[in-house]
Amino acid sequence: MKKILYLMLTSVVLFASCAKDPIENTATVDMAGEWYVTVDVADPETGEVLMEDPYGIGSMIFSTFNTASNKADEMFVFDNYNFWEFQVQVKADSATMTFSTDGMAPNVIYESNVQISAGKITKGGAKTPSGMPADAIEFLLQFDDDDYGFTYKVHGYRYTGFVADE
C-alpha cells in the first residue's frame, strides 16, 4: 500500500513540475517579422513606382521587431545591412497595422537620418511566388545622406523560409 501511495504521490509531483508558464508574445507580434522585399524609386507624393530596383539588388530581407521597452506603439525597421545599412525606430499602430517616423529619425547603424512614411502591413495581402497567401508590407523611405534625394518604395511579403518563395 505504501508503494502505491508513493507512486501516486511521485506521479502527481512529476506532472505538476511539468506545468509551464505560458510564453507571452511581444507587443508588436502581428507587425514583427522578416520580409522579402524589393526597393524601387517612387514618387514621394503618390508612391507610384518611377524606377524599378535602381541599384540592381533584387529581392532582399528586411526585419521589423519590437523595441526593448516592448510597447505596442513603437518598433524598429531594419534592412539587415542589405540596402542602405539602416535601423530606425518608428511609431506603430497595431490596430491599423500602420507605421511611420515623425519626419527624419536617427539611424541606429551610423550617423544619418531616415524617414519612413505610409508604412502598412496587410494580413494576407500578398501572394508568394509559390502562390500561397502571405502578409504584405509596404512603405516609403528617404535618407538625408542620399545624393540623389530619392524616395524609395519598399514592398514585399512576409518571409516564409520556403525555397519556392525566394
Protein backbone atom coordinates (compact mmCIF):
# COMPACT_ATOMS: atom_id res chain seq x y z
CA MET A 1 0.00 0.00 0.00
CA LYS A 2 2.85 2.38 0.84
CA LYS A 3 4.37 1.71 -2.58
CA ILE A 4 1.10 2.61 -4.33
CA LEU A 5 0.75 5.83 -2.33
CA TYR A 6 4.40 6.65 -3.00
CA LEU A 7 3.95 6.06 -6.76
CA MET A 8 0.78 8.17 -6.84
CA LEU A 9 2.45 11.00 -4.94
CA THR A 10 5.54 10.83 -7.20
CA SER A 11 3.32 10.91 -10.29
CA VAL A 12 1.45 13.97 -9.05
CA VAL A 13 4.71 15.79 -8.28
CA LEU A 14 6.15 14.91 -11.69
CA PHE A 15 3.06 16.12 -13.57
CA ALA A 16 2.87 19.30 -11.50
CA SER A 17 6.52 20.08 -12.16
CA CYS A 18 5.96 19.75 -15.93
CA ALA A 19 3.42 22.58 -16.00
CA LYS A 20 4.95 25.54 -17.82
CA ASP A 21 4.16 29.19 -17.70
CA PRO A 22 2.61 30.44 -20.94
CA ILE A 23 5.00 32.27 -23.23
CA GLU A 24 3.88 35.81 -23.88
CA ASN A 25 4.18 37.47 -27.27
CA THR A 26 5.83 40.81 -27.81
CA ALA A 27 3.60 43.87 -28.01
CA THR A 28 4.18 44.15 -31.79
CA VAL A 29 3.84 40.44 -32.58
CA ASP A 30 1.45 40.94 -35.53
CA MET A 31 3.75 43.51 -37.16
CA ALA A 32 7.10 41.90 -36.38
CA GLY A 33 8.89 39.56 -38.73
CA GLU A 34 11.19 39.10 -41.66
CA TRP A 35 10.09 40.45 -45.02
CA TYR A 36 11.19 39.53 -48.54
CA VAL A 37 11.13 42.95 -50.20
CA THR A 38 12.08 44.88 -53.31
CA VAL A 39 13.14 48.54 -53.26
CA ASP A 40 12.12 50.84 -56.11
CA VAL A 41 12.31 54.61 -56.67
CA ALA A 42 8.90 56.20 -56.18
CA ASP A 43 7.08 59.49 -56.48
CA PRO A 44 7.16 60.99 -52.95
CA GLU A 45 3.57 62.26 -53.23
CA THR A 46 1.77 59.28 -54.77
CA GLY A 47 4.09 56.35 -54.06
CA GLU A 48 3.89 55.41 -57.75
CA VAL A 49 6.96 53.44 -58.84
CA LEU A 50 9.14 55.53 -61.20
CA MET A 51 12.17 53.23 -61.49
CA GLU A 52 12.32 49.56 -60.54
CA ASP A 53 15.27 48.28 -58.49
CA PRO A 54 17.60 51.23 -59.29
CA TYR A 55 20.71 49.59 -57.83
CA GLY A 56 20.11 46.09 -59.25
CA ILE A 57 19.97 44.47 -55.82
CA GLY A 58 16.82 42.41 -56.41
CA SER A 59 14.83 41.00 -53.51
CA MET A 60 16.27 41.13 -50.00
CA ILE A 61 15.32 40.53 -46.37
CA PHE A 62 14.22 43.40 -44.10
CA SER A 63 13.10 42.96 -40.48
CA THR A 64 10.56 44.60 -38.19
CA PHE A 65 10.72 43.98 -34.44
CA ASN A 66 9.77 45.38 -31.06
CA THR A 67 11.87 47.84 -29.09
CA ALA A 68 13.46 46.98 -25.75
CA SER A 69 10.57 48.72 -23.97
CA ASN A 70 8.17 46.30 -25.72
CA LYS A 71 5.45 48.89 -26.35
CA ALA A 72 2.66 48.30 -28.88
CA ASP A 73 3.13 51.77 -30.37
CA GLU A 74 6.80 51.51 -31.39
CA MET A 75 9.04 49.12 -33.28
CA PHE A 76 12.21 49.04 -35.37
CA VAL A 77 12.58 48.68 -39.14
CA PHE A 78 15.95 47.19 -40.12
CA ASP A 79 17.37 46.46 -43.58
CA ASN A 80 19.72 43.75 -42.23
CA TYR A 81 22.60 45.56 -43.99
CA ASN A 82 21.05 44.61 -47.34
CA PHE A 83 20.25 48.06 -48.74
CA TRP A 84 21.37 51.27 -47.00
CA GLU A 85 22.53 49.95 -43.63
CA PHE A 86 19.76 51.47 -41.59
CA GLN A 87 17.77 50.67 -38.49
CA VAL A 88 15.20 53.20 -37.37
CA GLN A 89 12.56 53.34 -34.68
CA VAL A 90 9.05 54.03 -35.97
CA LYS A 91 5.71 54.78 -34.39
CA ALA A 92 3.42 51.80 -34.86
CA ASP A 93 -0.32 51.28 -34.61
CA SER A 94 -1.05 47.60 -34.11
CA ALA A 95 -4.80 48.14 -34.56
CA THR A 96 -4.45 49.60 -38.07
CA MET A 97 -1.14 47.82 -38.84
CA THR A 98 0.49 51.11 -39.88
CA PHE A 99 3.86 52.67 -39.04
CA SER A 100 5.98 55.75 -39.77
CA THR A 101 8.55 58.13 -38.33
CA ASP A 102 7.82 61.73 -37.34
CA GLY A 103 9.86 63.30 -40.12
CA MET A 104 13.51 62.32 -40.18
CA ALA A 105 14.56 59.97 -37.36
CA PRO A 106 18.04 58.88 -36.26
CA ASN A 107 19.59 55.86 -37.93
CA VAL A 108 20.90 53.46 -35.28
CA ILE A 109 23.61 51.98 -37.53
CA TYR A 110 25.56 55.13 -38.39
CA GLU A 111 25.12 58.89 -38.06
CA SER A 112 22.39 59.79 -40.51
CA ASN A 113 18.61 60.24 -40.56
CA VAL A 114 15.86 58.16 -42.11
CA GLN A 115 12.23 58.91 -42.83
CA ILE A 116 9.59 56.22 -43.20
CA SER A 117 6.07 57.17 -44.26
CA ALA A 118 2.90 55.43 -45.42
CA GLY A 119 4.01 52.17 -43.79
CA LYS A 120 1.42 49.44 -43.64
CA ILE A 121 1.13 45.71 -43.21
CA THR A 122 -1.83 43.92 -44.76
CA LYS A 123 -2.76 40.49 -43.40
CA GLY A 124 -2.94 38.05 -46.31
CA GLY A 125 -2.35 40.94 -48.74
CA ALA A 126 0.34 39.28 -50.85
CA LYS A 127 0.88 36.09 -52.80
CA THR A 128 4.25 34.42 -52.59
CA PRO A 129 5.96 33.11 -55.73
CA SER A 130 4.68 29.63 -54.82
CA GLY A 131 1.12 31.01 -54.87
CA MET A 132 0.48 30.91 -51.12
CA PRO A 133 -1.03 33.91 -49.30
CA ALA A 134 1.22 35.93 -47.00
CA ASP A 135 1.15 39.24 -45.19
CA ALA A 136 2.17 42.23 -47.33
CA ILE A 137 4.36 45.17 -46.29
CA GLU A 138 4.99 48.49 -47.98
CA PHE A 139 6.38 51.88 -47.03
CA LEU A 140 8.14 54.94 -48.43
CA LEU A 141 11.72 55.54 -47.37
CA GLN A 142 14.06 58.55 -47.56
CA PHE A 143 17.62 59.19 -46.36
CA ASP A 144 19.22 62.53 -45.58
CA ASP A 145 22.53 61.26 -46.99
CA ASP A 146 21.12 60.13 -50.37
CA ASP A 147 22.97 62.15 -53.01
CA TYR A 148 20.07 61.64 -55.43
CA GLY A 149 17.35 62.63 -52.94
CA PHE A 150 15.24 59.65 -53.98
CA THR A 151 12.12 58.42 -52.26
CA TYR A 152 12.17 54.64 -52.21
CA LYS A 153 9.17 52.36 -52.14
CA VAL A 154 9.80 49.18 -50.18
CA HIS A 155 7.25 46.45 -50.84
CA GLY A 156 7.04 42.71 -50.39
CA TYR A 157 5.70 39.85 -48.31
CA ARG A 158 6.35 38.10 -45.03
CA TYR A 159 9.33 35.76 -45.44
CA THR A 160 8.22 32.13 -45.46
CA GLY A 161 11.58 30.38 -45.50
CA PHE A 162 10.47 28.14 -48.36
CA VAL A 163 12.88 27.99 -51.30
CA ALA A 164 9.94 28.24 -53.70
CA ASP A 165 9.15 31.72 -52.31
CA GLU A 166 12.60 33.25 -52.82
